[in-house]
């Protein structure tokens, strides 16, 4: 009888570590779930500042964000998004933007927000008569490295040149939309004077109507909640 008692005790004791291990594994699994659910993609910005002559100190309150597209397709249709070529375009033409977003979602800061970037040019906006030809003073400019439709690109390149461009290089990428949303969230946090609606988030083509075509019909405003 005592023999059976010892056997029973050995079996009973051996059960507890297994049970504890199962409980520990369940706790670890729950913790992993919580960490995954709480994970949030972080905003990463690469500083690539242009010389001060490509901007000036800001004096007006920021009220608008202007979206653009740009590329080096007229010079290099095979590799139109090289960031160093883009930087040189800014230098060569004396223009600028606050941010550039690459095809893989990489964000470059070209001009600090407390300085006026030269991105909007001449134009006007309904409801803001004082902003005529002065949008730079009131806005943050964001360039997405992208190519529009053939019609939208004709002011910059010929139809024959456009047909040489790889189709994967046309339009916008998911990574760009993801980064743009993160960037917008950060801009709004730092600039409470900006209202997130379609009166204050505009395309270059809405300000310089009939002259500029960016960000064009391939840009999906709904992807940024507008």
Protein backbone atom coordinates (compact mmCIF):
# COMPACT_ATOMS: atom_id res chain seq x y z
CA UNK A 1 0.00 0.00 0.00
CA UNK A 2 2.84 2.36 0.93
CA UNK A 3 4.46 1.58 -2.43
CA UNK A 4 1.37 2.84 -4.27
CA UNK A 5 1.31 5.93 -2.09
CA UNK A 6 4.87 6.87 -3.11
CA UNK A 7 4.10 6.31 -6.77
CA UNK A 8 1.02 8.52 -6.48
CA UNK A 9 3.02 11.31 -4.80
CA UNK A 10 5.73 11.20 -7.48
CA UNK A 11 3.12 11.52 -10.22
CA UNK A 12 1.36 14.34 -8.38
CA UNK A 13 4.56 16.34 -7.81
CA UNK A 14 5.68 15.91 -11.39
CA UNK A 15 2.43 17.52 -12.56
CA UNK A 16 3.00 20.90 -10.87
CA UNK A 17 6.07 22.06 -12.90
CA UNK A 18 4.24 21.19 -16.10
CA UNK A 19 1.21 23.16 -15.00
CA UNK A 20 3.41 26.09 -13.98
CA UNK A 21 5.17 25.98 -17.34
CA UNK A 22 1.84 26.09 -19.17
CA UNK A 23 0.73 29.05 -17.06
CA UNK A 24 4.03 30.84 -17.73
CA UNK A 25 3.71 30.20 -21.47
CA UNK A 26 0.18 31.59 -21.40
CA UNK A 27 1.42 34.69 -19.57
CA UNK A 28 4.22 35.15 -22.11
CA UNK A 29 1.74 34.79 -24.98
CA UNK A 30 -0.59 37.36 -23.44
CA UNK A 31 2.31 39.77 -22.96
CA UNK A 32 3.35 39.31 -26.59
CA UNK A 33 -0.18 40.08 -27.71
CA UNK A 34 -0.28 43.26 -25.64
CA UNK A 35 3.06 44.47 -26.99
CA UNK A 36 1.93 43.83 -30.58
CA UNK A 37 -1.35 45.65 -30.07
CA UNK A 38 0.36 48.67 -28.49
CA UNK A 39 3.05 48.97 -31.18
CA UNK A 40 2.94 52.22 -33.15
CA UNK A 41 5.10 53.12 -36.10
CA UNK A 42 7.50 55.94 -35.24
CA UNK A 43 8.21 58.99 -37.35
CA UNK A 44 11.78 59.13 -38.62
CA UNK A 45 13.03 62.26 -40.40
CA UNK A 46 16.39 62.57 -42.13
CA UNK A 47 17.89 66.06 -42.07
CA UNK A 48 19.11 67.16 -45.50
CA UNK A 49 18.91 70.92 -45.14
CA UNK A 50 19.28 73.25 -48.09
CA UNK A 51 21.40 76.42 -47.83
CA UNK A 52 19.73 79.40 -46.13
CA UNK A 53 19.46 81.23 -49.45
CA UNK A 54 16.82 78.67 -50.46
CA UNK A 55 14.51 79.93 -47.69
CA UNK A 56 13.91 82.87 -45.38
CA UNK A 57 12.77 83.43 -41.76
CA UNK A 58 9.04 82.92 -41.22
CA UNK A 59 6.96 85.82 -39.91
CA UNK A 60 3.37 84.65 -40.55
CA UNK A 61 1.36 81.96 -38.79
CA UNK A 62 1.22 78.63 -40.64
CA UNK A 63 -2.32 77.81 -41.78
CA UNK A 64 -1.87 75.53 -44.81
CA UNK A 65 -0.08 72.44 -46.06
CA UNK A 66 0.59 72.13 -49.79
CA UNK A 67 1.19 68.75 -51.46
CA UNK A 68 3.43 68.43 -54.55
CA UNK A 69 5.06 65.78 -56.69
CA UNK A 70 8.52 66.02 -58.19
CA UNK A 71 11.15 63.90 -59.88
CA UNK A 72 14.20 64.06 -62.11
CA UNK A 73 12.44 62.18 -64.91
CA UNK A 74 13.30 64.76 -67.59
CA UNK A 75 17.01 64.00 -67.07
CA UNK A 76 17.04 60.40 -65.89
CA UNK A 77 13.88 58.41 -66.63
CA UNK A 78 15.47 55.17 -65.37
CA UNK A 79 16.29 56.55 -61.93
CA UNK A 80 14.14 59.66 -61.47
CA UNK A 81 14.02 59.60 -57.66
CA UNK A 82 17.66 59.78 -56.60
CA UNK A 83 17.54 62.08 -53.57
CA UNK A 84 20.86 63.73 -54.41
CA UNK A 85 19.58 64.64 -57.87
CA UNK A 86 16.45 66.05 -56.22
CA UNK A 87 18.59 68.11 -53.87
CA UNK A 88 20.51 69.50 -56.86
CA UNK A 89 17.24 70.49 -58.56
CA UNK A 90 16.38 72.63 -55.55
CA UNK A 91 19.82 74.23 -55.71
CA UNK A 92 19.78 74.80 -59.47
CA UNK A 93 16.36 76.46 -59.51
CA UNK A 94 16.58 78.31 -56.20
CA UNK A 95 13.43 76.63 -54.88
CA UNK A 96 12.74 74.44 -51.85
CA UNK A 97 10.23 72.46 -49.81
CA UNK A 98 10.07 71.68 -46.14
CA UNK A 99 9.87 67.92 -46.67
CA UNK A 100 10.49 65.33 -49.37
CA UNK A 101 9.05 61.81 -49.11
CA UNK A 102 10.78 59.05 -51.08
CA UNK A 103 9.29 55.95 -52.69
CA UNK A 104 10.01 53.74 -49.67
CA UNK A 105 8.53 56.25 -47.25
CA UNK A 106 11.79 57.86 -46.23
CA UNK A 107 11.26 61.46 -45.10
CA UNK A 108 13.82 64.22 -45.68
CA UNK A 109 13.69 67.60 -43.97
CA UNK A 110 14.98 70.21 -46.41
CA UNK A 111 13.89 73.42 -44.67
CA UNK A 112 12.93 73.88 -40.98
CA UNK A 113 9.27 74.74 -40.46
CA UNK A 114 10.20 78.08 -38.87
CA UNK A 115 11.56 79.20 -42.23
CA UNK A 116 9.63 79.95 -45.42
CA UNK A 117 10.34 77.47 -48.23
CA UNK A 118 9.98 78.47 -51.88
CA UNK A 119 7.51 75.88 -53.16
CA UNK A 120 4.16 77.51 -53.97
CA UNK A 121 5.08 80.17 -56.52
CA UNK A 122 2.39 82.39 -58.02
CA UNK A 123 -1.28 81.66 -57.47
CA UNK A 124 -4.43 82.29 -55.51
CA UNK A 125 -6.84 80.38 -53.30
CA UNK A 126 -10.57 80.87 -52.92
CA UNK A 127 -11.45 82.16 -49.47
CA UNK A 128 -7.95 83.51 -48.82
CA UNK A 129 -7.56 86.69 -50.91
CA UNK A 130 -4.59 87.89 -48.86
CA UNK A 131 -2.66 84.76 -49.85
CA UNK A 132 -2.45 85.66 -53.54
CA UNK A 133 1.16 85.05 -54.62
CA UNK A 134 2.05 84.74 -50.92
CA UNK A 135 1.19 81.14 -50.05
CA UNK A 136 4.80 80.39 -49.14
CA UNK A 137 4.46 82.68 -46.13
CA UNK A 138 1.55 80.68 -44.69
CA UNK A 139 2.29 77.10 -45.64
CA UNK A 140 4.39 73.99 -45.27
CA UNK A 141 5.38 72.38 -48.56
CA UNK A 142 5.66 68.60 -48.93
CA UNK A 143 7.11 67.04 -52.07
CA UNK A 144 6.38 63.39 -52.80
CA UNK A 145 8.73 61.73 -55.27
CA UNK A 146 6.25 60.69 -57.92
CA UNK A 147 5.28 60.97 -61.58
CA UNK A 148 1.74 61.85 -62.67
CA UNK A 149 -0.31 60.83 -65.68
CA UNK A 150 0.97 61.43 -69.19
CA UNK A 151 -1.24 64.49 -69.56
CA UNK A 152 -0.04 65.91 -66.25
CA UNK A 153 3.60 65.40 -67.18
CA UNK A 154 3.47 66.93 -70.69
CA UNK A 155 4.53 70.38 -69.43
CA UNK A 156 7.76 68.73 -68.25
CA UNK A 157 8.51 65.87 -70.65
CA UNK A 158 7.34 64.68 -74.06
CA UNK A 159 4.87 61.84 -74.60
CA UNK A 160 7.72 59.75 -76.02
CA UNK A 161 9.81 60.29 -72.89
CA UNK A 162 6.86 59.41 -70.69
CA UNK A 163 6.37 56.10 -72.49
CA UNK A 164 9.93 55.11 -71.58
CA UNK A 165 9.23 55.34 -67.84
CA UNK A 166 8.75 52.07 -65.96
CA UNK A 167 5.09 51.82 -64.90
CA UNK A 168 6.11 51.02 -61.31
CA UNK A 169 7.58 54.51 -61.05
CA UNK A 170 4.29 56.25 -61.86
CA UNK A 171 1.91 57.34 -59.11
CA UNK A 172 2.35 57.00 -55.37
CA UNK A 173 3.35 54.12 -53.08
CA UNK A 174 1.71 52.76 -49.94
CA UNK A 175 4.89 53.59 -48.03
CA UNK A 176 4.59 57.23 -49.09
CA UNK A 177 1.01 57.47 -47.85
CA UNK A 178 1.99 55.85 -44.54
CA UNK A 179 4.85 58.29 -44.00
CA UNK A 180 2.77 61.24 -45.13
CA UNK A 181 0.14 60.41 -42.52
CA UNK A 182 2.77 60.21 -39.78
CA UNK A 183 4.30 63.48 -40.93
CA UNK A 184 0.93 65.24 -41.04
CA UNK A 185 0.16 64.05 -37.52
CA UNK A 186 3.44 65.56 -36.34
CA UNK A 187 2.89 68.82 -38.24
CA UNK A 188 -0.58 69.25 -36.74
CA UNK A 189 0.76 68.61 -33.26
CA UNK A 190 3.42 71.31 -33.68
CA UNK A 191 1.13 73.73 -35.53
CA UNK A 192 -2.35 73.87 -33.95
CA UNK A 193 -3.16 76.80 -36.24
CA UNK A 194 -3.55 74.35 -39.16
CA UNK A 195 -7.01 72.85 -39.65
CA UNK A 196 -7.09 69.40 -41.21
CA UNK A 197 -9.59 69.86 -44.03
CA UNK A 198 -9.53 70.39 -47.79
CA UNK A 199 -9.51 74.17 -47.41
CA UNK A 200 -6.20 74.06 -45.58
CA UNK A 201 -4.60 70.96 -47.13
CA UNK A 202 -4.28 71.72 -50.82
CA UNK A 203 -2.51 70.62 -53.96
CA UNK A 204 -0.15 72.81 -55.93
CA UNK A 205 -2.57 72.46 -58.84
CA UNK A 206 -5.34 74.03 -56.75
CA UNK A 207 -3.29 77.12 -56.03
CA UNK A 208 -1.59 77.57 -59.41
CA UNK A 209 -4.55 76.48 -61.55
CA UNK A 210 -3.80 75.86 -65.20
CA UNK A 211 -0.06 76.12 -64.55
CA UNK A 212 0.85 73.33 -62.13
CA UNK A 213 -0.45 69.75 -62.30
CA UNK A 214 0.80 68.28 -59.03
CA UNK A 215 0.02 66.24 -57.05
CA UNK A 216 -2.43 65.33 -59.81
CA UNK A 217 -5.24 62.84 -60.25
CA UNK A 218 -3.18 59.85 -59.08
CA UNK A 219 -2.92 61.27 -55.57
CA UNK A 220 -5.65 59.84 -53.33
CA UNK A 221 -6.67 62.44 -50.76
CA UNK A 222 -8.76 59.85 -48.94
CA UNK A 223 -5.55 58.00 -48.06
CA UNK A 224 -4.70 60.91 -45.74
CA UNK A 225 -8.21 61.27 -44.36
CA UNK A 226 -9.30 64.15 -46.59
